[in-house]
């Protein structure tokens, strides 16, 4: 599965067709499910790294970050760690 599609899925910006493709792909094998979980962990690390870098003080002064400025979309795992199919 394309990493960019997975990242859009995690961020909640994937199209309905992409969401369906991710769900079908995950349902196809345990290996795919493991890759989804591994890629989600990577995605979360990227978000946290980005948040950390954006909150670093510049010019020697401390910046205050607004509460909740980093949002991580829930993975939407259902029974047996399978993604919850989108409903539209």
N, C-alpha and C. Protein backbone atom coordinates (compact mmCIF):
# COMPACT_ATOMS: atom_id res chain seq x y z
N UNK A 1 0.85 -1.18 0.00
CA UNK A 1 0.00 0.00 0.00
C UNK A 1 0.89 1.24 0.00
N UNK A 2 0.48 2.21 -0.74
CA UNK A 2 1.24 3.46 -0.84
C UNK A 2 1.25 4.20 0.50
N UNK A 3 2.42 4.58 0.93
CA UNK A 3 2.60 5.27 2.22
C UNK A 3 1.78 6.57 2.28
N UNK A 4 1.73 7.31 1.19
CA UNK A 4 0.98 8.57 1.18
C UNK A 4 -0.52 8.34 1.39
N UNK A 5 -1.05 7.27 0.81
CA UNK A 5 -2.45 6.93 1.01
C UNK A 5 -2.70 6.59 2.47
N UNK A 6 -1.80 5.79 3.05
CA UNK A 6 -1.94 5.44 4.46
C UNK A 6 -1.89 6.68 5.34
N UNK A 7 -1.00 7.59 5.04
CA UNK A 7 -0.88 8.81 5.86
C UNK A 7 -2.15 9.67 5.73
N UNK A 8 -2.72 9.74 4.54
CA UNK A 8 -3.99 10.47 4.39
C UNK A 8 -5.10 9.76 5.17
N UNK A 9 -5.08 8.43 5.16
CA UNK A 9 -6.05 7.65 5.92
C UNK A 9 -5.92 7.96 7.41
N UNK A 10 -4.70 7.98 7.92
CA UNK A 10 -4.47 8.27 9.34
C UNK A 10 -4.89 9.70 9.70
N UNK A 11 -4.64 10.62 8.78
CA UNK A 11 -4.94 12.03 9.04
C UNK A 11 -6.42 12.35 8.84
N UNK A 12 -7.16 11.41 8.28
CA UNK A 12 -8.58 11.63 8.04
C UNK A 12 -8.87 12.43 6.79
N UNK A 13 -7.90 12.48 5.87
CA UNK A 13 -8.08 13.27 4.65
C UNK A 13 -8.16 12.40 3.40
N UNK A 14 -8.19 11.08 3.57
CA UNK A 14 -8.28 10.17 2.42
C UNK A 14 -9.67 10.24 1.81
N UNK A 15 -9.74 10.01 0.52
CA UNK A 15 -11.04 9.95 -0.14
C UNK A 15 -11.76 8.67 0.30
N UNK A 16 -13.05 8.61 0.05
CA UNK A 16 -13.82 7.42 0.39
C UNK A 16 -13.23 6.18 -0.30
N UNK A 17 -12.83 6.35 -1.56
CA UNK A 17 -12.26 5.24 -2.31
C UNK A 17 -10.94 4.78 -1.69
N UNK A 18 -10.11 5.74 -1.25
CA UNK A 18 -8.85 5.38 -0.59
C UNK A 18 -9.10 4.67 0.74
N UNK A 19 -10.10 5.14 1.50
CA UNK A 19 -10.44 4.48 2.76
C UNK A 19 -10.87 3.04 2.52
N UNK A 20 -11.70 2.84 1.51
CA UNK A 20 -12.14 1.49 1.16
C UNK A 20 -10.96 0.61 0.74
N UNK A 21 -10.04 1.19 -0.05
CA UNK A 21 -8.87 0.43 -0.51
C UNK A 21 -8.00 0.02 0.67
N UNK A 22 -7.80 0.92 1.64
CA UNK A 22 -7.00 0.59 2.83
C UNK A 22 -7.68 -0.53 3.60
N UNK A 23 -8.98 -0.44 3.80
CA UNK A 23 -9.70 -1.48 4.54
C UNK A 23 -9.62 -2.83 3.82
N UNK A 24 -9.79 -2.83 2.51
CA UNK A 24 -9.69 -4.07 1.74
C UNK A 24 -8.28 -4.65 1.84
N UNK A 25 -7.29 -3.78 1.74
CA UNK A 25 -5.88 -4.21 1.81
C UNK A 25 -5.58 -4.83 3.16
N UNK A 26 -6.04 -4.21 4.23
CA UNK A 26 -5.79 -4.73 5.57
C UNK A 26 -6.49 -6.07 5.77
N UNK A 27 -7.69 -6.19 5.26
CA UNK A 27 -8.45 -7.44 5.39
C UNK A 27 -7.80 -8.59 4.62
N UNK A 28 -6.96 -8.27 3.65
CA UNK A 28 -6.38 -9.30 2.78
C UNK A 28 -5.37 -10.20 3.49
N UNK A 29 -4.64 -9.68 4.50
CA UNK A 29 -3.64 -10.52 5.17
C UNK A 29 -3.20 -9.94 6.50
N UNK A 30 -2.70 -10.82 7.34
CA UNK A 30 -2.13 -10.38 8.63
C UNK A 30 -0.89 -9.54 8.41
N UNK A 31 -0.13 -9.85 7.36
CA UNK A 31 1.07 -9.07 7.04
C UNK A 31 0.70 -7.62 6.74
N UNK A 32 -0.39 -7.42 6.01
CA UNK A 32 -0.84 -6.07 5.71
C UNK A 32 -1.29 -5.35 6.98
N UNK A 33 -1.97 -6.06 7.87
CA UNK A 33 -2.41 -5.46 9.14
C UNK A 33 -1.20 -5.02 9.96
N UNK A 34 -0.17 -5.86 9.99
CA UNK A 34 1.05 -5.51 10.72
C UNK A 34 1.72 -4.29 10.10
N UNK A 35 1.73 -4.22 8.77
CA UNK A 35 2.32 -3.06 8.10
C UNK A 35 1.53 -1.79 8.41
N UNK A 36 0.20 -1.90 8.45
CA UNK A 36 -0.63 -0.74 8.79
C UNK A 36 -0.28 -0.23 10.18
N UNK A 37 -0.16 -1.11 11.14
CA UNK A 37 0.15 -0.71 12.51
C UNK A 37 1.54 -0.11 12.59
N UNK A 38 2.50 -0.73 11.89
CA UNK A 38 3.87 -0.20 11.88
C UNK A 38 3.91 1.18 11.24
N UNK A 39 3.17 1.36 10.15
CA UNK A 39 3.14 2.66 9.47
C UNK A 39 2.43 3.71 10.31
N UNK A 40 1.42 3.30 11.09
CA UNK A 40 0.74 4.24 11.98
C UNK A 40 1.69 4.74 13.06
N UNK A 41 2.50 3.83 13.59
CA UNK A 41 3.49 4.23 14.60
C UNK A 41 4.46 5.25 14.00
N UNK A 42 4.90 5.00 12.78
CA UNK A 42 5.81 5.92 12.09
C UNK A 42 5.13 7.28 11.89
N UNK A 43 3.88 7.26 11.47
CA UNK A 43 3.10 8.49 11.26
C UNK A 43 3.01 9.29 12.56
N UNK A 44 2.73 8.60 13.67
CA UNK A 44 2.63 9.27 14.96
C UNK A 44 3.96 9.91 15.37
N UNK A 45 5.06 9.21 15.10
CA UNK A 45 6.38 9.77 15.42
C UNK A 45 6.63 11.03 14.59
N UNK A 46 6.26 10.99 13.32
CA UNK A 46 6.42 12.18 12.48
C UNK A 46 5.63 13.37 13.03
N UNK A 47 4.40 13.11 13.47
CA UNK A 47 3.58 14.18 14.04
C UNK A 47 4.21 14.76 15.30
N UNK A 48 4.68 13.88 16.16
CA UNK A 48 5.29 14.35 17.40
C UNK A 48 6.59 15.10 17.14
N UNK A 49 7.36 14.62 16.18
CA UNK A 49 8.60 15.31 15.82
C UNK A 49 8.30 16.70 15.25
N UNK A 50 7.31 16.77 14.40
CA UNK A 50 6.92 18.05 13.81
C UNK A 50 6.44 19.01 14.90
N UNK A 51 5.65 18.51 15.84
CA UNK A 51 5.15 19.35 16.93
C UNK A 51 6.29 19.83 17.81
N UNK A 52 7.25 18.95 18.07
CA UNK A 52 8.39 19.32 18.90
C UNK A 52 9.20 20.42 18.22
N UNK A 53 9.46 20.26 16.93
CA UNK A 53 10.26 21.25 16.21
C UNK A 53 9.53 22.59 16.08
N UNK A 54 8.22 22.55 15.96
CA UNK A 54 7.48 23.81 15.81
C UNK A 54 7.36 24.56 17.13
N UNK A 55 7.60 23.86 18.24
CA UNK A 55 7.47 24.52 19.53
C UNK A 55 8.82 24.90 20.14
N UNK A 56 9.90 24.69 19.40
CA UNK A 56 11.23 25.04 19.93
C UNK A 56 11.37 26.55 20.00
N UNK A 57 11.95 27.05 21.06
CA UNK A 57 12.12 28.51 21.19
C UNK A 57 13.06 29.05 20.12
N UNK A 58 12.75 30.24 19.65
CA UNK A 58 13.59 30.92 18.67
C UNK A 58 14.09 32.22 19.28
N UNK A 59 15.24 32.65 18.89
CA UNK A 59 15.85 33.90 19.35
C UNK A 59 16.03 33.93 20.86
N UNK A 60 16.21 32.76 21.47
CA UNK A 60 16.50 32.69 22.89
C UNK A 60 15.33 32.91 23.82
N UNK A 61 14.11 33.02 23.29
CA UNK A 61 12.97 33.18 24.19
C UNK A 61 12.06 31.96 24.13
N UNK A 62 11.38 31.72 25.22
CA UNK A 62 10.51 30.56 25.35
C UNK A 62 9.15 30.88 24.74
N UNK A 63 8.68 30.02 23.84
CA UNK A 63 7.35 30.20 23.28
C UNK A 63 6.38 29.28 23.98
N UNK A 64 5.20 29.78 24.19
CA UNK A 64 4.17 28.94 24.79
C UNK A 64 3.33 28.34 23.67
N UNK A 65 3.17 27.02 23.71
CA UNK A 65 2.34 26.34 22.72
C UNK A 65 0.90 26.30 23.20
N UNK A 66 -0.03 26.62 22.33
CA UNK A 66 -1.42 26.50 22.73
C UNK A 66 -1.76 25.03 23.00
N UNK A 67 -2.59 24.81 23.98
CA UNK A 67 -2.99 23.44 24.32
C UNK A 67 -3.71 22.82 23.14
N UNK A 68 -3.35 21.58 22.85
CA UNK A 68 -4.03 20.82 21.81
C UNK A 68 -3.71 21.23 20.40
N UNK A 69 -2.54 21.81 20.14
CA UNK A 69 -2.24 22.22 18.78
C UNK A 69 -1.78 21.06 17.91
N UNK A 70 -1.58 19.90 18.49
CA UNK A 70 -1.27 18.69 17.71
C UNK A 70 -2.46 17.77 17.82
N UNK A 71 -2.99 17.42 16.67
CA UNK A 71 -4.12 16.50 16.68
C UNK A 71 -3.74 15.24 15.93
N UNK A 72 -3.96 14.11 16.56
CA UNK A 72 -3.68 12.82 15.95
C UNK A 72 -5.02 12.13 15.74
N UNK A 73 -5.31 11.85 14.48
CA UNK A 73 -6.57 11.19 14.18
C UNK A 73 -6.52 9.76 14.70
N UNK A 74 -7.62 9.29 15.30
CA UNK A 74 -7.62 7.91 15.78
C UNK A 74 -7.53 6.95 14.61
N UNK A 75 -6.88 5.84 14.84
CA UNK A 75 -6.68 4.85 13.78
C UNK A 75 -8.00 4.24 13.37
N UNK A 76 -8.94 4.14 14.27
CA UNK A 76 -10.23 3.57 13.91
C UNK A 76 -10.19 2.07 13.83
N UNK A 77 -9.45 1.44 14.75
CA UNK A 77 -9.40 0.00 14.74
C UNK A 77 -10.63 -0.57 15.42
N UNK A 78 -11.14 -1.60 14.85
CA UNK A 78 -12.29 -2.28 15.42
C UNK A 78 -11.87 -3.62 15.99
N UNK A 79 -12.77 -4.54 15.96
CA UNK A 79 -12.51 -5.88 16.46
C UNK A 79 -11.32 -6.48 15.70
N UNK A 80 -10.45 -7.14 16.40
CA UNK A 80 -9.27 -7.81 15.82
C UNK A 80 -8.32 -6.85 15.14
N UNK A 81 -8.24 -5.61 15.60
CA UNK A 81 -7.33 -4.60 15.05
C UNK A 81 -7.56 -4.31 13.57
N UNK A 82 -8.77 -4.51 13.09
CA UNK A 82 -9.08 -4.19 11.69
C UNK A 82 -9.61 -2.77 11.61
N UNK A 83 -9.20 -2.00 10.59
CA UNK A 83 -9.74 -0.65 10.46
C UNK A 83 -11.25 -0.68 10.34
N UNK A 84 -11.89 0.29 10.92
CA UNK A 84 -13.33 0.40 10.82
C UNK A 84 -13.66 0.95 9.45
N UNK A 85 -14.54 0.28 8.74
CA UNK A 85 -14.88 0.71 7.39
C UNK A 85 -15.62 2.04 7.44
N UNK A 86 -15.28 2.92 6.49
CA UNK A 86 -15.95 4.22 6.46
C UNK A 86 -17.42 4.07 6.10
N UNK A 87 -18.24 4.93 6.67
CA UNK A 87 -19.67 4.93 6.39
C UNK A 87 -20.01 6.27 5.81
N UNK A 88 -20.64 6.28 4.67
CA UNK A 88 -21.01 7.55 4.03
C UNK A 88 -22.41 7.46 3.52
